[in-house]
Amino acid sequence: MVNIQAARLDMLFYALSDATRRQILALIAKRAYTITELANPFQMSLAAISKHIKILEKSKLLVRKREGRIHLCTLDATALKSAEECIQFYTQFWNQRLDLLAKQLEDSHEK
């Protein structure tokens, strides 16, 4: 169970690590796009944009719906919840550590 969740989180952060994929997510957050429409702003071949789309699909951030020969891509932001939880955990962890350090520095300064 933990390995599956870790693998999903790894895939999610891998998908988000690429600037092109983040730009694709920003586009599909506004409306559905065809693969051809997504390829145009990046001046990429359909094969290259398809590789990015497959990674986004695997990370569950992008949903591809087929309408005949046309593939429409939309955002599924629910996958971002696990990333948010991970980041929140480390934010809380470091805030606690920094608060403790600040207290120790204050205590040592007062002595």
C-alpha atoms as a PDB file:
ATOM      1  CA  MET A   1       0.000   0.000   0.000  1.00  0.00           C
ATOM      2  CA  VAL A   2       2.717   2.466   0.983  1.00  0.00           C
ATOM      3  CA  ASN A   3       4.777   1.554  -2.092  1.00  0.00           C
ATOM      4  CA  ILE A   4       1.796   2.161  -4.362  1.00  0.00           C
ATOM      5  CA  GLN A   5       1.165   5.570  -2.812  1.00  0.00           C
ATOM      6  CA  ALA A   6       4.874   6.433  -3.026  1.00  0.00           C
ATOM      7  CA  ALA A   7       4.980   5.393  -6.679  1.00  0.00           C
ATOM      8  CA  ARG A   8       1.926   7.547  -7.459  1.00  0.00           C
ATOM      9  CA  LEU A   9       3.456  10.515  -5.677  1.00  0.00           C
ATOM     10  CA  ASP A  10       6.758   9.977  -7.510  1.00  0.00           C
ATOM     11  CA  MET A  11       4.911   9.922 -10.830  1.00  0.00           C
ATOM     12  CA  LEU A  12       2.957  13.040  -9.913  1.00  0.00           C
ATOM     13  CA  PHE A  13       6.061  15.037  -9.007  1.00  0.00           C
ATOM     14  CA  TYR A  14       7.850  13.703 -12.095  1.00  0.00           C
ATOM     15  CA  ALA A  15       4.969  14.936 -14.263  1.00  0.00           C
ATOM     16  CA  LEU A  16       5.064  18.333 -12.570  1.00  0.00           C
ATOM     17  CA  SER A  17       8.852  18.617 -12.891  1.00  0.00           C
ATOM     18  CA  ASP A  18       8.735  19.500 -16.582  1.00  0.00           C
ATOM     19  CA  ALA A  19       7.945  23.067 -17.697  1.00  0.00           C
ATOM     20  CA  THR A  20       6.146  21.933 -20.848  1.00  0.00           C
ATOM     21  CA  ARG A  21       3.858  19.647 -18.876  1.00  0.00           C
ATOM     22  CA  ARG A  22       3.108  22.418 -16.377  1.00  0.00           C
ATOM     23  CA  GLN A  23       2.201  24.699 -19.305  1.00  0.00           C
ATOM     24  CA  ILE A  24      -0.058  21.993 -20.722  1.00  0.00           C
ATOM     25  CA  LEU A  25      -1.794  21.747 -17.348  1.00  0.00           C
ATOM     26  CA  ALA A  26      -2.289  25.514 -17.292  1.00  0.00           C
ATOM     27  CA  LEU A  27      -3.913  25.348 -20.720  1.00  0.00           C
ATOM     28  CA  ILE A  28      -6.239  22.444 -19.991  1.00  0.00           C
ATOM     29  CA  ALA A  29      -7.253  24.014 -16.683  1.00  0.00           C
ATOM     30  CA  LYS A  30      -9.142  26.596 -18.764  1.00  0.00           C
ATOM     31  CA  ARG A  31     -10.872  24.283 -21.246  1.00  0.00           C
ATOM     32  CA  ALA A  32     -10.566  21.015 -23.135  1.00  0.00           C
ATOM     33  CA  TYR A  33      -7.885  20.923 -25.830  1.00  0.00           C
ATOM     34  CA  THR A  34      -7.236  18.548 -28.689  1.00  0.00           C
ATOM     35  CA  ILE A  35      -3.757  17.098 -29.007  1.00  0.00           C
ATOM     36  CA  THR A  36      -3.158  19.209 -32.104  1.00  0.00           C
ATOM     37  CA  GLU A  37      -4.189  22.358 -30.235  1.00  0.00           C
ATOM     38  CA  LEU A  38      -1.783  21.475 -27.428  1.00  0.00           C
ATOM     39  CA  ALA A  39       1.091  20.894 -29.839  1.00  0.00           C
ATOM     40  CA  ASN A  40       0.742  24.284 -31.576  1.00  0.00           C
ATOM     41  CA  PRO A  41       1.977  26.678 -28.847  1.00  0.00           C
ATOM     42  CA  PHE A  42       5.003  24.467 -28.156  1.00  0.00           C
ATOM     43  CA  GLN A  43       6.072  24.018 -31.765  1.00  0.00           C
ATOM     44  CA  MET A  44       6.358  20.291 -31.109  1.00  0.00           C
ATOM     45  CA  SER A  45       5.487  17.321 -33.196  1.00  0.00           C
ATOM     46  CA  LEU A  46       2.368  15.369 -32.315  1.00  0.00           C
ATOM     47  CA  ALA A  47       4.607  12.497 -31.224  1.00  0.00           C
ATOM     48  CA  ALA A  48       6.518  14.725 -28.796  1.00  0.00           C
ATOM     49  CA  ILE A  49       3.392  16.265 -27.280  1.00  0.00           C
ATOM     50  CA  SER A  50       1.850  12.789 -27.037  1.00  0.00           C
ATOM     51  CA  LYS A  51       4.740  11.669 -24.820  1.00  0.00           C
ATOM     52  CA  HIS A  52       4.037  14.550 -22.444  1.00  0.00           C
ATOM     53  CA  ILE A  53       0.325  13.767 -22.501  1.00  0.00           C
ATOM     54  CA  LYS A  54       0.957  10.104 -21.674  1.00  0.00           C
ATOM     55  CA  ILE A  55       3.023  11.120 -18.646  1.00  0.00           C
ATOM     56  CA  LEU A  56       0.271  13.484 -17.497  1.00  0.00           C
ATOM     57  CA  GLU A  57      -2.283  10.700 -17.988  1.00  0.00           C
ATOM     58  CA  LYS A  58      -0.178   8.239 -16.027  1.00  0.00           C
ATOM     59  CA  SER A  59       0.070  10.731 -13.174  1.00  0.00           C
ATOM     60  CA  LYS A  60      -3.752  11.091 -13.288  1.00  0.00           C
ATOM     61  CA  LEU A  61      -3.538  14.851 -13.946  1.00  0.00           C
ATOM     62  CA  LEU A  62      -4.916  14.657 -17.475  1.00  0.00           C
ATOM     63  CA  VAL A  63      -7.967  12.832 -18.752  1.00  0.00           C
ATOM     64  CA  ARG A  64      -8.160  12.052 -22.444  1.00  0.00           C
ATOM     65  CA  LYS A  65     -11.622  11.579 -23.921  1.00  0.00           C
ATOM     66  CA  ARG A  66     -12.010  10.222 -27.394  1.00  0.00           C
ATOM     67  CA  GLU A  67     -14.674  11.634 -29.690  1.00  0.00           C
ATOM     68  CA  GLY A  68     -14.269   9.767 -32.945  1.00  0.00           C
ATOM     69  CA  ARG A  69     -10.782  10.568 -34.205  1.00  0.00           C
ATOM     70  CA  ILE A  70     -10.411  13.560 -31.908  1.00  0.00           C
ATOM     71  CA  HIS A  71      -8.828  13.247 -28.477  1.00  0.00           C
ATOM     72  CA  LEU A  72      -9.872  15.920 -25.972  1.00  0.00           C
ATOM     73  CA  CYS A  73      -7.636  16.544 -22.981  1.00  0.00           C
ATOM     74  CA  THR A  74      -8.921  17.959 -19.711  1.00  0.00           C
ATOM     75  CA  LEU A  75      -7.434  18.543 -16.283  1.00  0.00           C
ATOM     76  CA  ASP A  76      -8.208  16.313 -13.315  1.00  0.00           C
ATOM     77  CA  ALA A  77      -6.849  18.300 -10.388  1.00  0.00           C
ATOM     78  CA  THR A  78      -7.810  15.701  -7.778  1.00  0.00           C
ATOM     79  CA  ALA A  79      -4.370  14.096  -8.169  1.00  0.00           C
ATOM     80  CA  LEU A  80      -2.840  17.326  -6.867  1.00  0.00           C
ATOM     81  CA  LYS A  81      -4.383  16.635  -3.447  1.00  0.00           C
ATOM     82  CA  SER A  82      -1.694  14.063  -2.630  1.00  0.00           C
ATOM     83  CA  ALA A  83       1.044  16.516  -3.643  1.00  0.00           C
ATOM     84  CA  GLU A  84      -0.547  19.175  -1.456  1.00  0.00           C
ATOM     85  CA  GLU A  85      -0.653  16.756   1.495  1.00  0.00           C
ATOM     86  CA  CYS A  86       3.011  15.866   0.998  1.00  0.00           C
ATOM     87  CA  ILE A  87       4.071  19.502   0.813  1.00  0.00           C
ATOM     88  CA  GLN A  88       1.917  20.360   3.838  1.00  0.00           C
ATOM     89  CA  PHE A  89       3.596  17.594   5.850  1.00  0.00           C
ATOM     90  CA  TYR A  90       7.060  18.997   5.142  1.00  0.00           C
ATOM     91  CA  THR A  91       5.907  22.577   5.679  1.00  0.00           C
ATOM     92  CA  GLN A  92       4.630  21.653   9.120  1.00  0.00           C
ATOM     93  CA  PHE A  93       7.775  19.624   9.847  1.00  0.00           C
ATOM     94  CA  TRP A  94      10.118  22.501   8.988  1.00  0.00           C
ATOM     95  CA  ASN A  95       7.983  25.126  10.703  1.00  0.00           C
ATOM     96  CA  GLN A  96       8.131  23.105  13.919  1.00  0.00           C
ATOM     97  CA  ARG A  97      11.899  22.665  13.605  1.00  0.00           C
ATOM     98  CA  LEU A  98      12.487  26.345  12.895  1.00  0.00           C
ATOM     99  CA  ASP A  99      10.242  27.374  15.802  1.00  0.00           C
ATOM    100  CA  LEU A 100      12.245  25.084  18.090  1.00  0.00           C
ATOM    101  CA  LEU A 101      15.515  26.533  16.814  1.00  0.00           C
ATOM    102  CA  ALA A 102      14.255  30.089  17.348  1.00  0.00           C
ATOM    103  CA  LYS A 103      13.248  29.215  20.920  1.00  0.00           C
ATOM    104  CA  GLN A 104      16.637  27.649  21.633  1.00  0.00           C
ATOM    105  CA  LEU A 105      18.411  30.702  20.229  1.00  0.00           C
ATOM    106  CA  GLU A 106      16.254  33.004  22.375  1.00  0.00           C
ATOM    107  CA  ASP A 107      16.934  30.911  25.482  1.00  0.00           C
ATOM    108  CA  SER A 108      20.674  30.870  24.870  1.00  0.00           C
ATOM    109  CA  HIS A 109      20.690  34.632  24.190  1.00  0.00           C
ATOM    110  CA  GLU A 110      18.886  35.336  27.486  1.00  0.00           C
ATOM    111  CA  LYS A 111      21.456  33.433  29.555  1.00  0.00           C
END
